[in-house]
N, C-alpha and C. Protein backbone atom coordinates (compact mmCIF):
# COMPACT_ATOMS: atom_id res chain seq x y z
N UNK A 1 -10.17 0.51 10.27
CA UNK A 1 -9.03 -0.31 8.80
C UNK A 1 -9.84 0.62 7.42
N UNK A 2 -9.02 0.51 6.53
CA UNK A 2 -8.67 1.63 5.44
C UNK A 2 -9.84 1.03 4.60
N UNK A 3 -10.50 1.64 4.00
CA UNK A 3 -11.51 1.64 2.64
C UNK A 3 -10.39 1.41 1.38
N UNK A 4 -10.89 -0.06 0.81
CA UNK A 4 -10.22 -0.16 -0.44
C UNK A 4 -11.47 -0.03 -2.02
N UNK A 5 -10.65 0.94 -2.23
CA UNK A 5 -11.82 0.73 -3.47
C UNK A 5 -10.58 1.03 -4.75
N UNK A 6 -11.34 0.61 -5.96
CA UNK A 6 -10.81 0.43 -7.37
C UNK A 6 -11.48 0.93 -8.32
N UNK A 7 -10.90 1.66 -9.05
CA UNK A 7 -11.51 2.50 -10.42
C UNK A 7 -11.97 1.52 -11.44
N UNK A 8 -12.84 1.11 -12.09
CA UNK A 8 -13.22 0.72 -13.24
C UNK A 8 -13.07 1.28 -14.50
N UNK A 9 -12.00 0.64 -15.67
CA UNK A 9 -12.11 2.44 -16.75
C UNK A 9 -12.13 1.25 -18.14
N UNK A 10 -13.36 1.99 -18.54
CA UNK A 10 -13.23 1.43 -19.84
C UNK A 10 -13.64 -0.18 -19.71
N UNK A 11 -14.38 -0.54 -18.65
CA UNK A 11 -14.83 -1.89 -18.66
C UNK A 11 -14.08 -2.63 -18.26
N UNK A 12 -13.00 -2.63 -17.84
CA UNK A 12 -11.75 -3.57 -17.87
C UNK A 12 -12.04 -4.08 -16.62
N UNK A 13 -12.71 -4.79 -16.32
CA UNK A 13 -12.87 -5.56 -15.12
C UNK A 13 -11.84 -7.03 -14.96
N UNK A 14 -11.37 -7.39 -15.46
CA UNK A 14 -10.02 -7.80 -15.54
C UNK A 14 -9.01 -7.36 -14.73
N UNK A 15 -8.78 -6.34 -15.39
CA UNK A 15 -7.66 -5.33 -14.60
C UNK A 15 -7.46 -4.83 -12.89
N UNK A 16 -9.77 -4.41 -13.16
CA UNK A 16 -9.95 -3.72 -11.86
C UNK A 16 -9.83 -5.21 -10.79
N UNK A 17 -9.89 -6.61 -11.19
CA UNK A 17 -9.60 -7.52 -10.09
C UNK A 17 -8.40 -7.78 -9.53
N UNK A 18 -7.18 -7.81 -10.66
CA UNK A 18 -5.94 -8.19 -9.97
C UNK A 18 -5.46 -6.96 -9.19
N UNK A 19 -5.92 -5.51 -9.62
CA UNK A 19 -5.73 -4.07 -8.80
C UNK A 19 -5.95 -4.57 -7.48
N UNK A 20 -7.38 -5.05 -7.56
CA UNK A 20 -8.35 -5.15 -6.11
C UNK A 20 -7.54 -6.32 -5.40
N UNK A 21 -7.16 -7.56 -5.82
CA UNK A 21 -6.68 -8.54 -5.42
C UNK A 21 -5.08 -8.12 -4.70
N UNK A 22 -4.02 -7.67 -5.76
CA UNK A 22 -3.11 -6.53 -5.23
C UNK A 22 -3.39 -6.19 -3.90
N UNK A 23 -4.31 -5.09 -3.74
CA UNK A 23 -4.19 -3.95 -2.82
C UNK A 23 -4.95 -4.92 -1.74
N UNK A 24 -5.72 -5.66 -1.43
CA UNK A 24 -5.99 -6.90 -0.22
C UNK A 24 -5.01 -7.37 0.08
N UNK A 25 -4.24 -7.91 -1.15
CA UNK A 25 -3.05 -8.75 -0.48
C UNK A 25 -2.02 -8.01 0.48
N UNK A 26 -1.92 -6.46 -0.38
CA UNK A 26 -0.93 -5.95 0.70
C UNK A 26 -1.04 -5.34 2.04
N UNK A 27 -2.81 -5.09 1.81
CA UNK A 27 -3.24 -4.73 3.48
C UNK A 27 -3.17 -5.41 4.26
N UNK A 28 -3.40 -6.66 3.96
CA UNK A 28 -3.07 -8.40 4.71
C UNK A 28 -4.52 -8.20 5.37
N UNK A 29 -5.38 -8.29 4.57
CA UNK A 29 -6.80 -8.54 5.12
C UNK A 29 -7.26 -10.01 5.36
N UNK A 30 -6.72 -11.06 4.17
CA UNK A 30 -6.55 -12.03 3.98
C UNK A 30 -5.97 -12.84 5.46
N UNK A 31 -5.12 -12.38 5.77
CA UNK A 31 -3.79 -12.63 6.66
C UNK A 31 -4.97 -12.59 8.40
N UNK A 32 -5.24 -11.16 8.38
CA UNK A 32 -6.19 -11.15 9.95
C UNK A 32 -7.27 -11.65 9.36
N UNK A 33 -7.93 -12.09 8.83
CA UNK A 33 -8.99 -12.54 8.52
C UNK A 33 -8.72 -14.46 9.29
N UNK A 34 -7.62 -14.94 8.73
CA UNK A 34 -6.84 -16.47 8.60
C UNK A 34 -6.51 -16.26 10.39
N UNK A 35 -6.28 -15.18 10.76
CA UNK A 35 -5.73 -15.66 12.38
C UNK A 35 -6.90 -15.59 12.68
N UNK A 36 -7.81 -14.51 12.75
CA UNK A 36 -8.94 -14.44 13.52
C UNK A 36 -10.11 -15.89 13.23
N UNK A 37 -10.09 -16.48 12.68
CA UNK A 37 -10.55 -17.96 12.09
C UNK A 37 -10.41 -18.83 12.81
N UNK A 38 -9.32 -19.16 13.74
CA UNK A 38 -8.55 -19.95 14.94
C UNK A 38 -8.18 -19.81 16.10
N UNK A 39 -8.14 -20.56 16.94
CA UNK A 39 -7.91 -19.86 18.61
C UNK A 39 -6.12 -20.18 18.12
N UNK A 40 -5.33 -19.07 18.83
CA UNK A 40 -3.76 -18.95 18.52
C UNK A 40 -2.86 -19.03 20.29
N UNK A 41 -2.89 -20.35 20.07
CA UNK A 41 -1.96 -20.59 21.41
C UNK A 41 -1.08 -19.14 22.36
N UNK A 42 -0.93 -18.61 22.92
CA UNK A 42 0.04 -17.84 23.41
C UNK A 42 1.15 -17.76 23.36
N UNK A 43 1.74 -19.15 23.20
CA UNK A 43 3.39 -19.09 23.13
C UNK A 43 3.57 -19.51 21.37
N UNK A 44 2.51 -19.58 20.64
CA UNK A 44 2.18 -19.94 18.79
C UNK A 44 2.74 -17.94 18.53
N UNK A 45 1.68 -17.71 19.61
CA UNK A 45 1.41 -16.35 19.16
C UNK A 45 3.08 -15.03 19.17
N UNK A 46 3.62 -15.46 20.77
CA UNK A 46 4.75 -14.81 21.12
C UNK A 46 5.81 -15.30 19.53
N UNK A 47 5.88 -16.80 19.34
CA UNK A 47 6.84 -16.93 18.22
C UNK A 47 6.35 -16.78 17.09
N UNK A 48 5.15 -15.97 16.25
CA UNK A 48 5.02 -15.68 15.63
C UNK A 48 5.19 -14.13 15.55
N UNK A 49 4.82 -13.52 16.63
CA UNK A 49 5.19 -12.18 16.62
C UNK A 49 6.53 -11.86 16.85
N UNK A 50 7.57 -12.29 16.69
CA UNK A 50 8.83 -12.89 16.87
C UNK A 50 9.61 -12.73 15.82
N UNK A 51 8.63 -14.07 14.81
CA UNK A 51 9.11 -14.08 13.28
C UNK A 51 9.11 -12.68 12.63
N UNK A 52 7.57 -11.96 12.61
CA UNK A 52 7.20 -10.87 11.80
C UNK A 52 8.50 -9.97 12.64
N UNK A 53 9.02 -9.60 13.98
CA UNK A 53 9.66 -8.31 14.00
C UNK A 53 10.81 -8.93 13.59
N UNK A 54 11.79 -10.20 13.67
CA UNK A 54 12.92 -10.73 12.81
C UNK A 54 12.95 -10.41 11.05
N UNK A 55 11.58 -10.27 10.82
CA UNK A 55 11.96 -10.31 9.31
C UNK A 55 11.60 -8.82 9.25
N UNK A 56 10.91 -7.74 9.82
CA UNK A 56 10.71 -6.26 9.61
C UNK A 56 12.36 -5.78 9.78
N UNK A 57 12.81 -6.52 10.64
CA UNK A 57 14.21 -5.81 11.00
C UNK A 57 15.33 -6.48 9.90
N UNK A 58 15.06 -7.79 8.97
CA UNK A 58 15.94 -7.78 7.94
C UNK A 58 15.24 -7.08 6.80
N UNK A 59 14.71 -6.92 6.50
CA UNK A 59 14.14 -5.75 5.38
C UNK A 59 14.47 -4.60 5.60
N UNK A 60 14.00 -4.11 6.80
CA UNK A 60 15.10 -2.65 6.98
C UNK A 60 16.54 -2.69 7.25
N UNK A 61 17.25 -3.79 7.61
CA UNK A 61 18.65 -3.76 7.89
C UNK A 61 19.25 -3.80 5.57
N UNK A 62 18.43 -4.68 4.89
CA UNK A 62 18.67 -5.05 3.28
C UNK A 62 18.04 -3.10 2.91
N UNK A 63 17.17 -2.51 3.26
CA UNK A 63 16.95 -1.34 2.72
C UNK A 63 18.35 -0.48 2.85
N UNK A 64 18.90 -0.67 4.53
CA UNK A 64 19.50 0.63 4.56
C UNK A 64 20.72 0.18 4.32
N UNK A 65 21.04 -1.00 3.67
CA UNK A 65 22.58 -1.31 2.95
C UNK A 65 23.16 -0.84 1.92
N UNK A 66 21.65 -0.44 0.86
CA UNK A 66 21.94 -0.06 -0.28
C UNK A 66 21.36 1.54 -0.73
N UNK A 67 21.12 2.25 0.48
CA UNK A 67 20.44 3.53 0.58
C UNK A 67 21.49 4.45 0.68
N UNK A 68 21.47 5.62 -0.54
CA UNK A 68 23.20 6.15 -0.60
C UNK A 68 23.28 7.08 0.75
N UNK A 69 24.31 7.50 1.16
CA UNK A 69 24.94 8.26 2.07
C UNK A 69 25.21 9.57 1.70
């Protein structure tokens, strides 16, 4: 697991908290904690993994569509 670190400049705690929340969300920490909290049936696990794979494919396809050749 990665270490998440945020530096506070000029005692600007509000800005540091926004940056921390963004980093935690992008890292997927809350999502992993939520998944570990409750049991997931094997069929639900397979469906979720398939949905995630399709989402990654759509994102990759949209990135490739607008990339210069």
